[in-house]
Amino acid sequence: MRTLAVLIAGGSILLGPAGEAGARPSTGGPGALVAAAPLKHRLWIPKTTRAAFRLKYVTTNARGKRALSTGMLFLPKGKPPRGGWPVISWAHGTSGLGDACAPSLVGPALPRRDRPYLANWMREGYAIVASDYAGLGTPGLMAYLHGRSEAHNIVDVVKAGRTYARRLSPTSRLARKWVVIGQSQGAGAAIYTARYATRFGGRGLDYRGAVGTGTPAYIENVVTQLAPGFPDLSPGLTAYMAYILAGMRWTHPDLGIDGLLTTTGREYVELAETRCVFPFEKDLADAKIGTFFSGRLITLPNFARTVKNYMAMPEQGFDRPFFMGHGLEDVDVPYTLTKPYVDKLKANHEPLTFKPYHADHSGTLLESQKDTHPFVRKLFAKRGP
């Protein structure tokens, strides 16, 4: 196996042949930096970015195996506080499963929403790292809504970002303290990360807390009901179901999902592996989710247990404060699905702050800033655990 060719030049690590997309994570533990290069300027967070880089690093995938992920590092303008820039690990929302959908290659699926939102955080003096998630732009397939692997990816990009920032100027260094913030798919990833961040980060990081807006929860209860004649869903929700099936099929190839897919179902689940979210929704404009199946998925051996292990959100064991916001008018992640999860967290006396908003899915992300910014400032200001 060829050794990774790494050249230090102009403050960047330039990729040699072994640093291309097919490279295997042959050395280093979780968070080890494999390669880095300047991020395309058109993908910078506007008006607030001093420098930005695309990172490739070692992490863990949904099969529990060592894998590669890519991500981004954004350094803000100005002078960092003592100890370096405090870090936000941004967990992006649904972009698709195809490699061409990776945010570090094409930007966020909703740039007019996400870039100004992230710029507001950078103006407050935070550096941002952002994982693409393993399999999105790297070998394998991204396991959509697989919380545990997303948590690994989110923690490990903080480690990789800190490693690379140390190789730059002293004004680029990142602090040990960090929080995770996410929207939609990324909200589920952020809240799942909140449960395991201290363990996955180890002594080298100082995890402070989390924010999730539009958090999907108890989606496994919907997946287990998928069957012939299932009620019609919107193209967006149909796309999410197809992404889940594609991710589960890749993660658990012996589960037998293909055996219960019709020709139509196989066509759309295979398409889900490559199509980015908004083109895929157009493909599904006239699709009926009930036509995807020749039988009830719940009849597959161990299906209920497998889907729960794959995507169920943690209900207890959180060791740091976390914030969840949700829109009462959200049709992408309906409030009626997430509210029982919030109630369960409260019943378990977890350190949750929850606020509903009279807004839709994206509107909640924007409206919540009046609450999330003060919340995060307190997380970083607090001394000790």
Protein backbone atom coordinates (compact mmCIF):
# COMPACT_ATOMS: atom_id res chain seq x y z
CA MET A 1 0.00 0.00 0.00
CA ARG A 2 1.38 3.38 -0.96
CA THR A 3 2.13 5.85 1.78
CA LEU A 4 0.12 9.04 1.81
CA ALA A 5 2.05 11.77 0.03
CA VAL A 6 1.66 14.93 2.08
CA LEU A 7 3.31 18.17 1.06
CA ILE A 8 3.23 21.23 3.27
CA ALA A 9 3.04 24.27 1.04
CA GLY A 10 1.55 27.71 1.52
CA GLY A 11 -0.18 26.73 4.75
CA SER A 12 -2.07 23.86 3.13
CA ILE A 13 -1.64 20.12 2.82
CA LEU A 14 -1.81 19.27 -0.85
CA LEU A 15 -3.15 15.88 -1.90
CA GLY A 16 -0.88 13.42 -3.63
CA PRO A 17 -2.19 10.28 -5.41
CA ALA A 18 -2.80 8.44 -2.13
CA GLY A 19 -4.97 11.29 -0.95
CA GLU A 20 -7.61 10.88 -3.61
CA ALA A 21 -11.16 9.78 -2.90
CA GLY A 22 -10.33 6.07 -2.95
CA ALA A 23 -7.68 6.32 -0.24
CA ARG A 24 -8.04 3.96 2.70
CA PRO A 25 -7.68 5.14 6.29
CA SER A 26 -4.58 3.00 6.79
CA THR A 27 -3.10 4.91 9.71
CA GLY A 28 -4.32 6.91 12.64
CA GLY A 29 -7.25 6.65 14.98
CA PRO A 30 -10.58 8.48 14.92
CA GLY A 31 -10.06 12.11 13.94
CA ALA A 32 -6.65 11.56 12.35
CA LEU A 33 -6.09 14.05 9.54
CA VAL A 34 -5.45 12.34 6.21
CA ALA A 35 -5.37 15.32 3.86
CA ALA A 36 -6.44 18.94 3.49
CA ALA A 37 -6.60 21.62 0.83
CA PRO A 38 -8.04 25.12 0.44
CA LEU A 39 -11.82 25.14 0.09
CA LYS A 40 -13.21 26.67 -3.07
CA HIS A 41 -13.86 30.34 -2.40
CA ARG A 42 -17.46 30.11 -3.66
CA LEU A 43 -18.18 27.74 -0.75
CA TRP A 44 -16.94 30.12 1.96
CA ILE A 45 -19.35 31.41 4.57
CA PRO A 46 -19.91 34.96 3.29
CA LYS A 47 -18.37 38.11 4.78
CA THR A 48 -17.02 36.36 7.87
CA THR A 49 -14.45 33.83 6.62
CA ARG A 50 -10.73 34.57 6.80
CA ALA A 51 -9.68 31.17 5.47
CA ALA A 52 -11.39 27.86 4.75
CA PHE A 53 -10.21 24.34 4.04
CA ARG A 54 -11.54 20.97 2.93
CA LEU A 55 -10.42 18.17 5.24
CA LYS A 56 -10.24 14.40 4.88
CA TYR A 57 -10.02 12.42 8.10
CA VAL A 58 -10.41 9.05 9.75
CA THR A 59 -13.71 8.20 11.44
CA THR A 60 -16.18 5.34 11.94
CA ASN A 61 -18.98 4.38 9.55
CA ALA A 62 -22.38 2.80 10.18
CA ARG A 63 -20.91 -0.70 9.98
CA GLY A 64 -18.64 0.16 12.89
CA LYS A 65 -15.57 0.08 10.63
CA ARG A 66 -12.78 2.60 10.25
CA ALA A 67 -13.63 4.85 7.32
CA LEU A 68 -12.92 8.18 5.69
CA SER A 69 -15.01 11.30 5.83
CA THR A 70 -14.55 14.75 4.39
CA GLY A 71 -15.52 18.04 5.94
CA MET A 72 -14.76 21.74 6.14
CA LEU A 73 -12.95 24.15 8.42
CA PHE A 74 -13.91 27.84 8.46
CA LEU A 75 -11.74 30.32 10.33
CA PRO A 76 -13.32 33.67 11.25
CA LYS A 77 -11.86 37.09 10.75
CA GLY A 78 -10.25 38.86 13.69
CA LYS A 79 -8.06 37.86 16.58
CA PRO A 80 -8.87 34.68 18.52
CA PRO A 81 -9.33 34.68 22.29
CA ARG A 82 -6.69 33.14 24.51
CA GLY A 83 -6.66 29.41 23.94
CA GLY A 84 -7.88 29.65 20.35
CA TRP A 85 -11.20 29.97 18.57
CA PRO A 86 -14.10 28.16 20.29
CA VAL A 87 -15.53 25.61 17.86
CA ILE A 88 -18.97 24.89 16.48
CA SER A 89 -19.31 21.52 14.77
CA TRP A 90 -22.10 22.09 12.25
CA ALA A 91 -24.29 19.09 11.35
CA HIS A 92 -25.88 19.69 7.96
CA GLY A 93 -29.41 18.79 6.95
CA THR A 94 -30.50 16.44 4.18
CA SER A 95 -28.47 16.90 1.02
CA GLY A 96 -28.69 13.44 -0.54
CA LEU A 97 -26.60 10.28 -0.52
CA GLY A 98 -24.67 10.66 -3.78
CA ASP A 99 -21.04 11.74 -3.61
CA ALA A 100 -21.90 14.77 -5.73
CA CYS A 101 -24.16 16.00 -2.91
CA ALA A 102 -21.33 16.49 -0.38
CA PRO A 103 -21.45 20.04 1.06
CA SER A 104 -17.64 20.33 0.91
CA LEU A 105 -17.91 19.89 -2.87
CA VAL A 106 -21.08 21.80 -3.76
CA GLY A 107 -22.14 23.70 -0.64
CA PRO A 108 -25.31 23.25 1.43
CA ALA A 109 -28.57 22.12 -0.13
CA LEU A 110 -30.15 25.42 1.00
CA PRO A 111 -27.33 27.98 0.70
CA ARG A 112 -29.56 31.05 1.05
CA ARG A 113 -30.67 29.77 4.44
CA ASP A 114 -27.58 28.04 5.82
CA ARG A 115 -24.76 30.40 4.81
CA PRO A 116 -26.22 33.53 6.46
CA TYR A 117 -27.14 31.41 9.48
CA LEU A 118 -23.57 30.15 9.86
CA ALA A 119 -22.22 33.64 9.22
CA ASN A 120 -24.13 34.86 12.28
CA TRP A 121 -22.24 32.34 14.43
CA MET A 122 -18.89 33.28 12.95
CA ARG A 123 -19.54 36.96 13.66
CA GLU A 124 -19.67 36.02 17.33
CA GLY A 125 -16.15 34.64 17.13
CA TYR A 126 -16.61 30.92 16.55
CA ALA A 127 -14.67 28.74 14.12
CA ILE A 128 -16.82 26.18 12.32
CA VAL A 129 -16.03 22.63 11.32
CA ALA A 130 -18.59 20.66 9.33
CA SER A 131 -18.57 16.96 8.48
CA ASP A 132 -20.01 15.70 5.21
CA TYR A 133 -20.64 12.39 7.09
CA ALA A 134 -18.84 9.18 6.16
CA GLY A 135 -19.76 7.84 2.73
CA LEU A 136 -20.83 11.20 1.32
CA GLY A 137 -17.97 11.97 -1.05
CA THR A 138 -15.90 9.08 0.34
CA PRO A 139 -16.05 5.28 -0.16
CA GLY A 140 -19.23 3.56 0.97
CA LEU A 141 -22.70 5.07 1.35
CA MET A 142 -23.83 7.61 3.89
CA ALA A 143 -26.19 5.85 6.30
CA TYR A 144 -29.00 8.39 6.42
CA LEU A 145 -30.21 9.08 9.99
CA HIS A 146 -27.78 6.56 11.50
CA GLY A 147 -27.12 8.54 14.66
CA ARG A 148 -24.11 6.71 16.04
CA SER A 149 -21.95 7.01 12.92
CA GLU A 150 -22.98 10.65 12.44
CA ALA A 151 -21.91 11.31 16.03
CA HIS A 152 -18.49 9.79 15.36
CA ASN A 153 -18.15 11.87 12.18
CA ILE A 154 -19.15 15.09 13.97
CA VAL A 155 -16.73 14.57 16.87
CA ASP A 156 -13.88 13.42 14.65
CA VAL A 157 -14.02 16.46 12.37
CA VAL A 158 -13.38 18.61 15.47
CA LYS A 159 -10.22 16.60 16.13
CA ALA A 160 -9.10 16.84 12.51
CA GLY A 161 -9.83 20.58 12.38
CA ARG A 162 -7.77 21.23 15.52
CA THR A 163 -4.88 19.20 14.11
CA TYR A 164 -4.82 21.14 10.88
CA ALA A 165 -5.32 24.55 12.50
CA ARG A 166 -2.19 23.97 14.62
CA ARG A 167 -0.18 23.74 11.40
CA LEU A 168 -1.30 27.19 10.34
CA SER A 169 -0.62 30.53 12.02
CA PRO A 170 -1.09 31.06 15.79
CA THR A 171 -4.22 33.10 14.98
CA SER A 172 -5.79 30.00 13.43
CA ARG A 173 -5.65 27.69 16.43
CA LEU A 174 -8.84 26.11 17.71
CA ALA A 175 -9.76 25.79 21.36
CA ARG A 176 -10.56 22.49 23.06
CA LYS A 177 -14.07 23.66 23.88
CA TRP A 178 -16.78 23.00 21.32
CA VAL A 179 -20.51 22.59 20.77
CA VAL A 180 -22.53 20.83 18.08
CA ILE A 181 -25.35 22.56 16.19
CA GLY A 182 -27.58 20.97 13.57
CA GLN A 183 -30.75 21.33 11.53
CA SER A 184 -33.15 18.59 10.36
CA GLN A 185 -31.07 15.46 9.62
CA GLY A 186 -28.27 17.40 11.28
CA ALA A 187 -30.45 18.11 14.32
CA GLY A 188 -30.95 14.41 14.86
CA ALA A 189 -27.20 13.97 14.41
CA ALA A 190 -26.48 16.83 16.83
CA ILE A 191 -28.74 15.53 19.59
CA TYR A 192 -27.42 12.00 19.14
CA THR A 193 -23.90 13.43 19.32
CA ALA A 194 -24.85 15.23 22.53
CA ARG A 195 -25.32 11.87 24.21
CA TYR A 196 -21.89 10.49 23.22
CA ALA A 197 -19.69 13.53 22.58
CA THR A 198 -17.79 13.37 25.86
CA ARG A 199 -17.03 9.67 25.38
CA PHE A 200 -16.14 9.90 21.69
CA GLY A 201 -14.09 13.08 22.13
CA GLY A 202 -11.95 11.83 24.99
CA ARG A 203 -9.69 13.97 27.12
CA GLY A 204 -8.43 16.00 24.19
CA LEU A 205 -11.72 17.87 23.74
CA ASP A 206 -13.98 19.89 26.02
CA TYR A 207 -17.55 19.28 24.85
CA ARG A 208 -19.99 21.93 26.16
CA GLY A 209 -23.45 21.18 24.73
CA ALA A 210 -25.71 21.04 21.68
CA VAL A 211 -28.43 22.72 19.63
CA GLY A 212 -30.86 20.94 17.32
CA THR A 213 -33.70 22.50 15.33
CA GLY A 214 -36.25 20.39 13.47
CA THR A 215 -35.04 17.19 15.15
CA PRO A 216 -36.41 13.96 13.64
CA ALA A 217 -37.39 11.47 16.35
CA TYR A 218 -39.25 8.17 16.52
CA ILE A 219 -39.03 7.91 12.75
CA GLU A 220 -38.40 4.20 13.28
CA ASN A 221 -42.08 3.93 14.26
CA VAL A 222 -43.00 5.07 10.75
CA VAL A 223 -40.44 2.87 8.99
CA THR A 224 -41.73 -0.27 10.69
CA GLN A 225 -45.20 0.43 9.27
CA LEU A 226 -44.09 0.67 5.63
CA ALA A 227 -46.11 -1.78 3.56
CA PRO A 228 -48.22 -2.06 0.40
CA GLY A 229 -50.92 0.60 0.43
CA PHE A 230 -49.12 2.82 2.94
CA PRO A 231 -50.73 6.30 2.87
CA ASP A 232 -49.29 8.73 0.34
CA LEU A 233 -46.55 11.06 1.54
CA SER A 234 -45.25 14.34 0.16
CA PRO A 235 -42.31 14.03 -2.27
CA GLY A 236 -40.02 15.29 0.49
CA LEU A 237 -41.12 12.68 3.03
CA THR A 238 -41.04 9.98 0.35
CA ALA A 239 -37.45 10.97 -0.42
CA TYR A 240 -36.54 10.68 3.26
CA MET A 241 -38.02 7.18 3.43
CA ALA A 242 -36.12 6.13 0.30
CA TYR A 243 -32.88 7.50 1.78
CA ILE A 244 -33.51 5.55 5.00
CA LEU A 245 -34.11 2.33 3.06
CA ALA A 246 -30.98 2.87 0.97
CA GLY A 247 -28.91 3.53 4.08
CA MET A 248 -30.31 0.51 5.92
CA ARG A 249 -29.81 -1.71 2.89
CA TRP A 250 -26.14 -0.69 2.72
CA THR A 251 -25.55 -0.98 6.47
CA HIS A 252 -27.41 -4.30 6.83
CA PRO A 253 -27.20 -6.06 3.44
CA ASP A 254 -28.38 -9.36 4.97
CA LEU A 255 -31.61 -7.87 6.30
CA GLY A 256 -33.47 -8.72 3.10
CA ILE A 257 -35.06 -5.37 2.25
CA ASP A 258 -34.71 -6.04 -1.49
CA GLY A 259 -36.93 -9.09 -1.14
CA LEU A 260 -39.90 -6.90 -0.22
CA LEU A 261 -39.34 -4.14 -2.78
CA THR A 262 -41.35 -4.04 -5.97
CA THR A 263 -39.72 -3.09 -9.26
CA THR A 264 -40.83 0.48 -8.54
CA GLY A 265 -39.41 0.35 -5.03
CA ARG A 266 -36.05 -0.98 -6.18
CA GLU A 267 -35.87 1.70 -8.87
CA TYR A 268 -36.39 4.54 -6.40
CA VAL A 269 -34.22 3.12 -3.61
CA GLU A 270 -31.37 2.62 -6.09
CA LEU A 271 -31.92 6.16 -7.37
CA ALA A 272 -31.76 7.40 -3.77
CA GLU A 273 -28.12 6.30 -3.59
CA THR A 274 -27.06 8.94 -6.12
CA ARG A 275 -29.65 11.72 -6.31
CA CYS A 276 -29.38 14.92 -4.31
CA VAL A 277 -32.44 15.87 -2.34
CA PHE A 278 -34.24 18.46 -4.46
CA PRO A 279 -33.81 16.70 -7.84
CA PHE A 280 -34.87 13.49 -6.09
CA GLU A 281 -38.05 15.14 -4.80
CA LYS A 282 -38.89 16.09 -8.38
CA ASP A 283 -38.34 12.47 -9.44
CA LEU A 284 -40.82 11.45 -6.76
CA ALA A 285 -43.51 14.00 -7.63
CA ASP A 286 -45.99 11.32 -8.71
CA ALA A 287 -44.60 8.42 -6.69
CA LYS A 288 -46.71 6.62 -4.09
CA ILE A 289 -44.72 5.11 -1.24
CA GLY A 290 -47.25 2.26 -0.90
CA THR A 291 -46.26 0.96 -4.36
CA PHE A 292 -42.66 0.42 -3.24
CA PHE A 293 -43.43 -2.77 -1.31
CA SER A 294 -44.68 -6.28 -2.02
CA GLY A 295 -45.02 -7.06 1.68
CA ARG A 296 -44.76 -5.53 5.16
CA LEU A 297 -41.19 -4.67 6.17
CA ILE A 298 -41.95 -5.61 9.77
CA THR A 299 -42.18 -9.26 8.65
CA LEU A 300 -38.45 -9.36 7.88
CA PRO A 301 -36.50 -11.23 10.60
CA ASN A 302 -35.21 -8.82 13.27
CA PHE A 303 -36.41 -5.81 11.28
CA ALA A 304 -37.96 -3.95 14.22
CA ARG A 305 -34.85 -4.42 16.36
CA THR A 306 -32.52 -3.52 13.50
CA VAL A 307 -34.31 -0.30 12.56
CA LYS A 308 -34.40 0.74 16.21
CA ASN A 309 -30.66 0.15 16.60
CA TYR A 310 -30.11 1.98 13.33
CA MET A 311 -31.94 5.22 14.05
CA ALA A 312 -33.64 5.45 17.44
CA MET A 313 -32.71 8.63 19.30
CA PRO A 314 -31.14 8.34 22.79
CA GLU A 315 -33.55 9.08 25.63
CA GLN A 316 -31.19 9.37 28.60
CA GLY A 317 -27.56 9.72 29.65
CA PHE A 318 -26.92 13.28 28.43
CA ASP A 319 -24.13 14.93 30.43
CA ARG A 320 -24.27 18.50 29.10
CA PRO A 321 -27.10 20.99 28.44
CA PHE A 322 -28.77 20.84 25.04
CA PHE A 323 -31.40 22.93 23.24
CA MET A 324 -34.11 21.72 20.90
CA GLY A 325 -36.39 23.96 18.86
CA HIS A 326 -39.25 22.80 16.66
CA GLY A 327 -41.79 24.45 14.39
CA LEU A 328 -45.48 23.97 15.04
CA GLU A 329 -46.01 24.34 11.28
CA ASP A 330 -43.19 21.98 10.28
CA VAL A 331 -44.32 19.55 7.55
CA ASP A 332 -40.84 18.15 6.83
CA VAL A 333 -40.37 16.83 10.35
CA PRO A 334 -43.86 17.02 11.87
CA TYR A 335 -44.08 18.38 15.40
CA THR A 336 -46.36 15.47 16.36
CA LEU A 337 -43.48 13.04 15.84
CA THR A 338 -40.90 14.98 17.84
CA LYS A 339 -43.07 16.19 20.75
CA PRO A 340 -43.31 12.70 22.36
CA TYR A 341 -39.51 12.51 22.28
CA VAL A 342 -39.27 15.87 24.03
CA ASP A 343 -41.74 14.65 26.64
CA LYS A 344 -39.66 11.51 27.20
CA LEU A 345 -36.47 13.52 27.67
CA LYS A 346 -38.20 15.77 30.18
CA ALA A 347 -39.63 12.78 32.05
CA ASN A 348 -36.10 11.39 32.27
CA HIS A 349 -34.87 14.73 33.70
CA GLU A 350 -32.35 15.26 30.93
CA PRO A 351 -30.69 18.73 30.71
CA LEU A 352 -32.94 19.87 27.87
CA THR A 353 -34.20 23.33 26.99
CA PHE A 354 -37.06 23.07 24.49
CA LYS A 355 -38.95 25.82 22.66
CA PRO A 356 -41.68 25.53 20.02
CA TYR A 357 -42.01 28.19 17.32
CA HIS A 358 -44.90 29.28 15.13
CA ALA A 359 -42.82 28.53 12.05
CA ASP A 360 -42.13 25.89 9.43
CA HIS A 361 -39.00 23.74 9.12
CA SER A 362 -36.57 26.38 7.85
CA GLY A 363 -38.34 29.19 9.68
CA THR A 364 -37.59 27.52 12.99
CA LEU A 365 -33.86 27.51 12.26
CA LEU A 366 -33.93 31.24 11.64
CA GLU A 367 -36.37 32.25 14.38
CA SER A 368 -34.58 30.21 17.04
CA GLN A 369 -31.43 32.31 16.79
CA LYS A 370 -32.79 34.74 19.38
CA ASP A 371 -32.67 31.84 21.84
CA THR A 372 -29.82 29.67 20.60
CA HIS A 373 -27.14 32.39 20.51
CA PRO A 374 -27.52 33.28 24.20
CA PHE A 375 -27.73 29.57 25.00
CA VAL A 376 -24.44 28.81 23.25
CA ARG A 377 -22.70 31.86 24.76
CA LYS A 378 -23.52 30.49 28.22
CA LEU A 379 -22.17 27.07 27.27
CA PHE A 380 -18.83 28.52 26.29
CA ALA A 381 -18.70 30.94 29.23
CA LYS A 382 -19.20 28.22 31.82
CA ARG A 383 -16.07 27.05 33.60
CA GLY A 384 -15.44 23.39 34.10
CA PRO A 385 -17.84 20.53 33.26
